[in-house]
Amino acid sequence: MESNIYKERRESPELLIYKSLMNRMKLTDKEKQYGEYLVKGYEGEKQLDYFTEALTSNCMILNDLFLEVDRRVFQLDTTIITAEQIFILK
């Protein structure tokens, strides 16, 4: 049995923009702090990916799943679906 990653994780558009701007312009302290928050969040998600790749049960893994409910969009960082359960990891 093996896990199947159906949606690979990618850097968010916000993070890509921040990385592009941080070397091209002087950012305010607030902008720097938010950018560091984005970087740390992505790094944490990549660390989680390392562990989910080692899962030995037959499951489906969806990274960065966006859902809309009542015109509100939200993100699930990692969703693991097995035959018996669904795990949502934030």
PDB file of N, CA and C in Angstrom:
ATOM      1  N   MET A   1       0.841  -1.186   0.000  1.00  0.00           N
ATOM      2  CA  MET A   1       0.000   0.000   0.000  1.00  0.00           C
ATOM      3  C   MET A   1       0.879   1.240   0.000  1.00  0.00           C
ATOM      4  N   GLU A   2       0.382   2.291  -0.603  1.00  0.00           N
ATOM      5  CA  GLU A   2       1.159   3.517  -0.629  1.00  0.00           C
ATOM      6  C   GLU A   2       0.229   4.713  -0.643  1.00  0.00           C
ATOM      7  N   SER A   3       0.781   5.847  -0.245  1.00  0.00           N
ATOM      8  CA  SER A   3      -0.002   7.073  -0.296  1.00  0.00           C
ATOM      9  C   SER A   3       0.135   7.686  -1.682  1.00  0.00           C
ATOM     10  N   ASN A   4      -0.865   8.419  -2.068  1.00  0.00           N
ATOM     11  CA  ASN A   4      -0.865   9.083  -3.361  1.00  0.00           C
ATOM     12  C   ASN A   4      -1.082  10.571  -3.154  1.00  0.00           C
ATOM     13  N   ILE A   5      -0.117  11.365  -3.571  1.00  0.00           N
ATOM     14  CA  ILE A   5      -0.250  12.810  -3.448  1.00  0.00           C
ATOM     15  C   ILE A   5      -0.863  13.310  -4.752  1.00  0.00           C
ATOM     16  N   TYR A   6      -2.103  13.750  -4.673  1.00  0.00           N
ATOM     17  CA  TYR A   6      -2.818  14.173  -5.864  1.00  0.00           C
ATOM     18  C   TYR A   6      -2.677  15.662  -6.130  1.00  0.00           C
ATOM     19  N   LYS A   7      -2.296  16.409  -5.136  1.00  0.00           N
ATOM     20  CA  LYS A   7      -2.116  17.842  -5.331  1.00  0.00           C
ATOM     21  C   LYS A   7      -0.834  18.248  -4.631  1.00  0.00           C
ATOM     22  N   GLU A   8       0.208  18.460  -5.414  1.00  0.00           N
ATOM     23  CA  GLU A   8       1.499  18.859  -4.856  1.00  0.00           C
ATOM     24  C   GLU A   8       1.392  20.266  -4.274  1.00  0.00           C
ATOM     25  N   ARG A   9       2.191  20.527  -3.276  1.00  0.00           N
ATOM     26  CA  ARG A   9       2.192  21.844  -2.654  1.00  0.00           C
ATOM     27  C   ARG A   9       3.036  22.808  -3.484  1.00  0.00           C
ATOM     28  N   ARG A  10       2.548  24.006  -3.615  1.00  0.00           N
ATOM     29  CA  ARG A  10       3.275  25.066  -4.314  1.00  0.00           C
ATOM     30  C   ARG A  10       3.289  26.314  -3.451  1.00  0.00           C
ATOM     31  N   GLU A  11       4.282  27.148  -3.679  1.00  0.00           N
ATOM     32  CA  GLU A  11       4.311  28.425  -2.975  1.00  0.00           C
ATOM     33  C   GLU A  11       3.102  29.248  -3.415  1.00  0.00           C
ATOM     34  N   SER A  12       2.487  29.917  -2.446  1.00  0.00           N
ATOM     35  CA  SER A  12       1.303  30.718  -2.751  1.00  0.00           C
ATOM     36  C   SER A  12       1.697  31.927  -3.600  1.00  0.00           C
ATOM     37  N   PRO A  13       0.749  32.458  -4.361  1.00  0.00           N
ATOM     38  CA  PRO A  13       1.046  33.675  -5.127  1.00  0.00           C
ATOM     39  C   PRO A  13       1.544  34.809  -4.230  1.00  0.00           C
ATOM     40  N   GLU A  14       0.959  34.933  -3.035  1.00  0.00           N
ATOM     41  CA  GLU A  14       1.406  35.959  -2.082  1.00  0.00           C
ATOM     42  C   GLU A  14       2.875  35.791  -1.725  1.00  0.00           C
ATOM     43  N   LEU A  15       3.286  34.562  -1.449  1.00  0.00           N
ATOM     44  CA  LEU A  15       4.673  34.291  -1.079  1.00  0.00           C
ATOM     45  C   LEU A  15       5.602  34.577  -2.252  1.00  0.00           C
ATOM     46  N   LEU A  16       5.211  34.212  -3.447  1.00  0.00           N
ATOM     47  CA  LEU A  16       6.033  34.484  -4.627  1.00  0.00           C
ATOM     48  C   LEU A  16       6.209  35.986  -4.840  1.00  0.00           C
ATOM     49  N   ILE A  17       5.144  36.747  -4.638  1.00  0.00           N
ATOM     50  CA  ILE A  17       5.229  38.205  -4.773  1.00  0.00           C
ATOM     51  C   ILE A  17       6.146  38.773  -3.706  1.00  0.00           C
ATOM     52  N   TYR A  18       5.981  38.322  -2.462  1.00  0.00           N
ATOM     53  CA  TYR A  18       6.839  38.803  -1.376  1.00  0.00           C
ATOM     54  C   TYR A  18       8.308  38.536  -1.687  1.00  0.00           C
ATOM     55  N   LYS A  19       8.624  37.327  -2.114  1.00  0.00           N
ATOM     56  CA  LYS A  19      10.017  36.986  -2.418  1.00  0.00           C
ATOM     57  C   LYS A  19      10.567  37.864  -3.537  1.00  0.00           C
ATOM     58  N   SER A  20       9.734  38.184  -4.488  1.00  0.00           N
ATOM     59  CA  SER A  20      10.160  39.032  -5.596  1.00  0.00           C
ATOM     60  C   SER A  20      10.410  40.466  -5.126  1.00  0.00           C
ATOM     61  N   LEU A  21       9.538  40.966  -4.264  1.00  0.00           N
ATOM     62  CA  LEU A  21       9.640  42.357  -3.817  1.00  0.00           C
ATOM     63  C   LEU A  21      10.712  42.584  -2.760  1.00  0.00           C
ATOM     64  N   MET A  22      10.986  41.570  -1.931  1.00  0.00           N
ATOM     65  CA  MET A  22      11.885  41.785  -0.794  1.00  0.00           C
ATOM     66  C   MET A  22      13.287  42.201  -1.230  1.00  0.00           C
ATOM     67  N   ASN A  23      13.713  41.819  -2.420  1.00  0.00           N
ATOM     68  CA  ASN A  23      15.039  42.203  -2.899  1.00  0.00           C
ATOM     69  C   ASN A  23      15.006  43.410  -3.828  1.00  0.00           C
ATOM     70  N   ARG A  24      13.826  43.894  -4.135  1.00  0.00           N
ATOM     71  CA  ARG A  24      13.710  44.986  -5.102  1.00  0.00           C
ATOM     72  C   ARG A  24      13.289  46.308  -4.492  1.00  0.00           C
ATOM     73  N   MET A  25      12.754  46.273  -3.304  1.00  0.00           N
ATOM     74  CA  MET A  25      12.291  47.521  -2.690  1.00  0.00           C
ATOM     75  C   MET A  25      12.408  47.446  -1.172  1.00  0.00           C
ATOM     76  N   LYS A  26      12.342  48.599  -0.566  1.00  0.00           N
ATOM     77  CA  LYS A  26      12.408  48.667   0.893  1.00  0.00           C
ATOM     78  C   LYS A  26      11.003  48.428   1.445  1.00  0.00           C
ATOM     79  N   LEU A  27      10.872  47.366   2.205  1.00  0.00           N
ATOM     80  CA  LEU A  27       9.581  47.012   2.785  1.00  0.00           C
ATOM     81  C   LEU A  27       9.456  47.606   4.176  1.00  0.00           C
ATOM     82  N   THR A  28       8.230  47.918   4.565  1.00  0.00           N
ATOM     83  CA  THR A  28       7.992  48.392   5.922  1.00  0.00           C
ATOM     84  C   THR A  28       8.184  47.223   6.886  1.00  0.00           C
ATOM     85  N   ASP A  29       8.320  47.543   8.158  1.00  0.00           N
ATOM     86  CA  ASP A  29       8.461  46.481   9.164  1.00  0.00           C
ATOM     87  C   ASP A  29       7.247  45.552   9.148  1.00  0.00           C
ATOM     88  N   LYS A  30       6.068  46.137   8.968  1.00  0.00           N
ATOM     89  CA  LYS A  30       4.843  45.338   8.938  1.00  0.00           C
ATOM     90  C   LYS A  30       4.849  44.395   7.729  1.00  0.00           C
ATOM     91  N   GLU A  31       5.294  44.879   6.575  1.00  0.00           N
ATOM     92  CA  GLU A  31       5.373  44.043   5.373  1.00  0.00           C
ATOM     93  C   GLU A  31       6.405  42.933   5.543  1.00  0.00           C
ATOM     94  N   LYS A  32       7.544  43.268   6.153  1.00  0.00           N
ATOM     95  CA  LYS A  32       8.576  42.254   6.409  1.00  0.00           C
ATOM     96  C   LYS A  32       8.040  41.167   7.339  1.00  0.00           C
ATOM     97  N   GLN A  33       7.348  41.600   8.380  1.00  0.00           N
ATOM     98  CA  GLN A  33       6.802  40.651   9.354  1.00  0.00           C
ATOM     99  C   GLN A  33       5.788  39.714   8.681  1.00  0.00           C
ATOM    100  N   TYR A  34       4.934  40.270   7.841  1.00  0.00           N
ATOM    101  CA  TYR A  34       3.948  39.435   7.147  1.00  0.00           C
ATOM    102  C   TYR A  34       4.643  38.476   6.183  1.00  0.00           C
ATOM    103  N   GLY A  35       5.662  38.957   5.496  1.00  0.00           N
ATOM    104  CA  GLY A  35       6.425  38.101   4.582  1.00  0.00           C
ATOM    105  C   GLY A  35       7.100  36.956   5.311  1.00  0.00           C
ATOM    106  N   GLU A  36       7.677  37.248   6.478  1.00  0.00           N
ATOM    107  CA  GLU A  36       8.315  36.197   7.281  1.00  0.00           C
ATOM    108  C   GLU A  36       7.278  35.176   7.740  1.00  0.00           C
ATOM    109  N   TYR A  37       6.085  35.654   8.058  1.00  0.00           N
ATOM    110  CA  TYR A  37       4.977  34.771   8.439  1.00  0.00           C
ATOM    111  C   TYR A  37       4.647  33.816   7.281  1.00  0.00           C
ATOM    112  N   LEU A  38       4.597  34.348   6.059  1.00  0.00           N
ATOM    113  CA  LEU A  38       4.321  33.519   4.882  1.00  0.00           C
ATOM    114  C   LEU A  38       5.415  32.481   4.666  1.00  0.00           C
ATOM    115  N   VAL A  39       6.673  32.904   4.802  1.00  0.00           N
ATOM    116  CA  VAL A  39       7.809  31.996   4.603  1.00  0.00           C
ATOM    117  C   VAL A  39       7.781  30.877   5.635  1.00  0.00           C
ATOM    118  N   LYS A  40       7.584  31.233   6.897  1.00  0.00           N
ATOM    119  CA  LYS A  40       7.566  30.221   7.962  1.00  0.00           C
ATOM    120  C   LYS A  40       6.396  29.256   7.791  1.00  0.00           C
ATOM    121  N   GLY A  41       5.257  29.771   7.374  1.00  0.00           N
ATOM    122  CA  GLY A  41       4.102  28.905   7.144  1.00  0.00           C
ATOM    123  C   GLY A  41       4.374  27.894   6.047  1.00  0.00           C
ATOM    124  N   TYR A  42       4.975  28.347   4.961  1.00  0.00           N
ATOM    125  CA  TYR A  42       5.293  27.445   3.852  1.00  0.00           C
ATOM    126  C   TYR A  42       6.335  26.415   4.276  1.00  0.00           C
ATOM    127  N   GLU A  43       7.345  26.853   5.025  1.00  0.00           N
ATOM    128  CA  GLU A  43       8.372  25.917   5.507  1.00  0.00           C
ATOM    129  C   GLU A  43       7.757  24.848   6.404  1.00  0.00           C
ATOM    130  N   GLY A  44       6.820  25.242   7.260  1.00  0.00           N
ATOM    131  CA  GLY A  44       6.135  24.277   8.126  1.00  0.00           C
ATOM    132  C   GLY A  44       5.324  23.274   7.323  1.00  0.00           C
ATOM    133  N   GLU A  45       4.662  23.762   6.279  1.00  0.00           N
ATOM    134  CA  GLU A  45       3.889  22.868   5.425  1.00  0.00           C
ATOM    135  C   GLU A  45       4.803  21.877   4.705  1.00  0.00           C
ATOM    136  N   LYS A  46       5.967  22.326   4.262  1.00  0.00           N
ATOM    137  CA  LYS A  46       6.919  21.434   3.592  1.00  0.00           C
ATOM    138  C   LYS A  46       7.447  20.373   4.566  1.00  0.00           C
ATOM    139  N   GLN A  47       7.638  20.748   5.835  1.00  0.00           N
ATOM    140  CA  GLN A  47       8.066  19.764   6.836  1.00  0.00           C
ATOM    141  C   GLN A  47       6.986  18.698   7.019  1.00  0.00           C
ATOM    142  N   LEU A  48       5.742  19.126   7.042  1.00  0.00           N
ATOM    143  CA  LEU A  48       4.636  18.172   7.160  1.00  0.00           C
ATOM    144  C   LEU A  48       4.608  17.245   5.945  1.00  0.00           C
ATOM    145  N   ASP A  49       4.892  17.786   4.767  1.00  0.00           N
ATOM    146  CA  ASP A  49       4.926  16.968   3.544  1.00  0.00           C
ATOM    147  C   ASP A  49       5.932  15.829   3.672  1.00  0.00           C
ATOM    148  N   TYR A  50       7.049  16.103   4.307  1.00  0.00           N
ATOM    149  CA  TYR A  50       8.083  15.080   4.490  1.00  0.00           C
ATOM    150  C   TYR A  50       7.498  13.860   5.206  1.00  0.00           C
ATOM    151  N   PHE A  51       6.677  14.107   6.225  1.00  0.00           N
ATOM    152  CA  PHE A  51       6.090  13.007   6.997  1.00  0.00           C
ATOM    153  C   PHE A  51       4.932  12.340   6.251  1.00  0.00           C
ATOM    154  N   THR A  52       4.121  13.123   5.553  1.00  0.00           N
ATOM    155  CA  THR A  52       2.996  12.506   4.846  1.00  0.00           C
ATOM    156  C   THR A  52       3.472  11.651   3.674  1.00  0.00           C
ATOM    157  N   GLU A  53       4.621  11.985   3.097  1.00  0.00           N
ATOM    158  CA  GLU A  53       5.169  11.168   2.008  1.00  0.00           C
ATOM    159  C   GLU A  53       5.547   9.767   2.485  1.00  0.00           C
ATOM    160  N   ALA A  54       5.780   9.615   3.783  1.00  0.00           N
ATOM    161  CA  ALA A  54       6.201   8.328   4.340  1.00  0.00           C
ATOM    162  C   ALA A  54       5.017   7.472   4.808  1.00  0.00           C
ATOM    163  N   LEU A  55       3.798   7.952   4.626  1.00  0.00           N
ATOM    164  CA  LEU A  55       2.636   7.170   5.058  1.00  0.00           C
ATOM    165  C   LEU A  55       2.598   5.835   4.320  1.00  0.00           C
ATOM    166  N   THR A  56       2.283   4.796   5.064  1.00  0.00           N
ATOM    167  CA  THR A  56       2.271   3.455   4.466  1.00  0.00           C
ATOM    168  C   THR A  56       0.862   2.945   4.178  1.00  0.00           C
ATOM    169  N   SER A  57      -0.147   3.670   4.615  1.00  0.00           N
ATOM    170  CA  SER A  57      -1.515   3.212   4.340  1.00  0.00           C
ATOM    171  C   SER A  57      -1.967   3.727   2.976  1.00  0.00           C
ATOM    172  N   ASN A  58      -2.955   3.056   2.430  1.00  0.00           N
ATOM    173  CA  ASN A  58      -3.502   3.460   1.146  1.00  0.00           C
ATOM    174  C   ASN A  58      -4.364   4.695   1.377  1.00  0.00           C
ATOM    175  N   CYS A  59      -3.900   5.841   0.906  1.00  0.00           N
ATOM    176  CA  CYS A  59      -4.625   7.077   1.141  1.00  0.00           C
ATOM    177  C   CYS A  59      -4.385   8.066   0.007  1.00  0.00           C
ATOM    178  N   MET A  60      -5.215   9.092  -0.002  1.00  0.00           N
ATOM    179  CA  MET A  60      -5.082  10.178  -0.955  1.00  0.00           C
ATOM    180  C   MET A  60      -4.706  11.427  -0.160  1.00  0.00           C
ATOM    181  N   ILE A  61      -3.716  12.179  -0.635  1.00  0.00           N
ATOM    182  CA  ILE A  61      -3.270  13.387   0.051  1.00  0.00           C
ATOM    183  C   ILE A  61      -3.510  14.580  -0.859  1.00  0.00           C
ATOM    184  N   LEU A  62      -4.242  15.557  -0.340  1.00  0.00           N
ATOM    185  CA  LEU A  62      -4.504  16.795  -1.076  1.00  0.00           C
ATOM    186  C   LEU A  62      -3.870  17.944  -0.306  1.00  0.00           C
ATOM    187  N   ASN A  63      -2.971  18.661  -0.934  1.00  0.00           N
ATOM    188  CA  ASN A  63      -2.326  19.815  -0.304  1.00  0.00           C
ATOM    189  C   ASN A  63      -2.967  21.103  -0.802  1.00  0.00           C
ATOM    190  N   ASP A  64      -3.075  22.074   0.099  1.00  0.00           N
ATOM    191  CA  ASP A  64      -3.598  23.403  -0.248  1.00  0.00           C
ATOM    192  C   ASP A  64      -4.943  23.323  -0.962  1.00  0.00           C
ATOM    193  N   LEU A  65      -5.882  22.684  -0.324  1.00  0.00           N
ATOM    194  CA  LEU A  65      -7.223  22.535  -0.883  1.00  0.00           C
ATOM    195  C   LEU A  65      -8.051  23.763  -0.511  1.00  0.00           C
ATOM    196  N   PHE A  66      -8.574  24.468  -1.514  1.00  0.00           N
ATOM    197  CA  PHE A  66      -9.403  25.645  -1.281  1.00  0.00           C
ATOM    198  C   PHE A  66     -10.864  25.262  -1.455  1.00  0.00           C
ATOM    199  N   LEU A  67     -11.689  25.666  -0.494  1.00  0.00           N
ATOM    200  CA  LEU A  67     -13.124  25.391  -0.527  1.00  0.00           C
ATOM    201  C   LEU A  67     -13.883  26.697  -0.346  1.00  0.00           C
ATOM    202  N   GLU A  68     -15.090  26.736  -0.862  1.00  0.00           N
ATOM    203  CA  GLU A  68     -15.933  27.918  -0.703  1.00  0.00           C
ATOM    204  C   GLU A  68     -17.249  27.502  -0.065  1.00  0.00           C
ATOM    205  N   VAL A  69     -17.611  28.184   1.016  1.00  0.00           N
ATOM    206  CA  VAL A  69     -18.871  27.954   1.705  1.00  0.00           C
ATOM    207  C   VAL A  69     -19.487  29.320   1.980  1.00  0.00           C
ATOM    208  N   ASP A  70     -20.714  29.517   1.566  1.00  0.00           N
ATOM    209  CA  ASP A  70     -21.401  30.798   1.753  1.00  0.00           C
ATOM    210  C   ASP A  70     -20.554  31.974   1.267  1.00  0.00           C
ATOM    211  N   ARG A  71     -19.989  31.847   0.091  1.00  0.00           N
ATOM    212  CA  ARG A  71     -19.158  32.875  -0.555  1.00  0.00           C
ATOM    213  C   ARG A  71     -17.902  33.224   0.236  1.00  0.00           C
ATOM    214  N   ARG A  72     -17.498  32.361   1.132  1.00  0.00           N
ATOM    215  CA  ARG A  72     -16.240  32.527   1.871  1.00  0.00           C
ATOM    216  C   ARG A  72     -15.293  31.419   1.454  1.00  0.00           C
ATOM    217  N   VAL A  73     -14.078  31.804   1.116  1.00  0.00           N
ATOM    218  CA  VAL A  73     -13.075  30.838   0.677  1.00  0.00           C
ATOM    219  C   VAL A  73     -12.130  30.558   1.837  1.00  0.00           C
ATOM    220  N   PHE A  74     -11.821  29.291   2.045  1.00  0.00           N
ATOM    221  CA  PHE A  74     -10.846  28.936   3.072  1.00  0.00           C
ATOM    222  C   PHE A  74      -9.953  27.829   2.549  1.00  0.00           C
ATOM    223  N   GLN A  75      -8.801  27.689   3.194  1.00  0.00           N
ATOM    224  CA  GLN A  75      -7.785  26.743   2.741  1.00  0.00           C
ATOM    225  C   GLN A  75      -7.559  25.660   3.783  1.00  0.00           C
ATOM    226  N   LEU A  76      -7.455  24.422   3.316  1.00  0.00           N
ATOM    227  CA  LEU A  76      -7.042  23.304   4.156  1.00  0.00           C
ATOM    228  C   LEU A  76      -5.614  22.968   3.738  1.00  0.00           C
ATOM    229  N   ASP A  77      -4.668  23.101   4.650  1.00  0.00           N
ATOM    230  CA  ASP A  77      -3.259  22.891   4.302  1.00  0.00           C
ATOM    231  C   ASP A  77      -3.010  21.484   3.776  1.00  0.00           C
ATOM    232  N   THR A  78      -3.453  20.480   4.524  1.00  0.00           N
ATOM    233  CA  THR A  78      -3.258  19.087   4.115  1.00  0.00           C
ATOM    234  C   THR A  78      -4.506  18.288   4.472  1.00  0.00           C
ATOM    235  N   THR A  79      -5.030  17.562   3.499  1.00  0.00           N
ATOM    236  CA  THR A  79      -6.183  16.693   3.716  1.00  0.00           C
ATOM    237  C   THR A  79      -5.771  15.276   3.329  1.00  0.00           C
ATOM    238  N   ILE A  80      -5.928  14.353   4.263  1.00  0.00           N
ATOM    239  CA  ILE A  80      -5.582  12.952   4.015  1.00  0.00           C
ATOM    240  C   ILE A  80      -6.878  12.149   4.034  1.00  0.00           C
ATOM    241  N   ILE A  81      -7.136  11.447   2.945  1.00  0.00           N
ATOM    242  CA  ILE A  81      -8.377  10.685   2.810  1.00  0.00           C
ATOM    243  C   ILE A  81      -8.037   9.201   2.733  1.00  0.00           C
ATOM    244  N   THR A  82      -8.602   8.428   3.669  1.00  0.00           N
ATOM    245  CA  THR A  82      -8.463   6.971   3.642  1.00  0.00           C
ATOM    246  C   THR A  82      -9.849   6.386   3.386  1.00  0.00           C
ATOM    247  N   ALA A  83      -9.932   5.083   3.277  1.00  0.00           N
ATOM    248  CA  ALA A  83     -11.226   4.433   3.059  1.00  0.00           C
ATOM    249  C   ALA A  83     -12.158   4.636   4.249  1.00  0.00           C
ATOM    250  N   GLU A  84     -11.584   4.818   5.445  1.00  0.00           N
ATOM    251  CA  GLU A  84     -12.392   4.920   6.659  1.00  0.00           C
ATOM    252  C   GLU A  84     -12.527   6.332   7.212  1.00  0.00           C
ATOM    253  N   GLN A  85     -11.531   7.201   6.965  1.00  0.00           N
ATOM    254  CA  GLN A  85     -11.518   8.503   7.634  1.00  0.00           C
ATOM    255  C   GLN A  85     -10.960   9.594   6.727  1.00  0.00           C
ATOM    256  N   ILE A  86     -11.255  10.836   7.128  1.00  0.00           N
ATOM    257  CA  ILE A  86     -10.654  12.010   6.497  1.00  0.00           C
ATOM    258  C   ILE A  86      -9.962  12.797   7.600  1.00  0.00           C
ATOM    259  N   PHE A  87      -8.694  13.129   7.377  1.00  0.00           N
ATOM    260  CA  PHE A  87      -7.913  13.908   8.336  1.00  0.00           C
ATOM    261  C   PHE A  87      -7.618  15.270   7.722  1.00  0.00           C
ATOM    262  N   ILE A  88      -7.919  16.324   8.466  1.00  0.00           N
ATOM    263  CA  ILE A  88      -7.628  17.683   8.015  1.00  0.00           C
ATOM    264  C   ILE A  88      -6.549  18.235   8.931  1.00  0.00           C
ATOM    265  N   LEU A  89      -5.408  18.578   8.340  1.00  0.00           N
ATOM    266  CA  LEU A  89      -4.271  19.077   9.111  1.00  0.00           C
ATOM    267  C   LEU A  89      -4.050  20.543   8.782  1.00  0.00           C
ATOM    268  N   LYS A  90      -3.909  21.341   9.806  1.00  0.00           N
ATOM    269  CA  LYS A  90      -3.704  22.780   9.628  1.00  0.00           C
ATOM    270  C   LYS A  90      -2.339  23.145  10.104  1.00  0.00           C
TER     271      LYS A  90
END
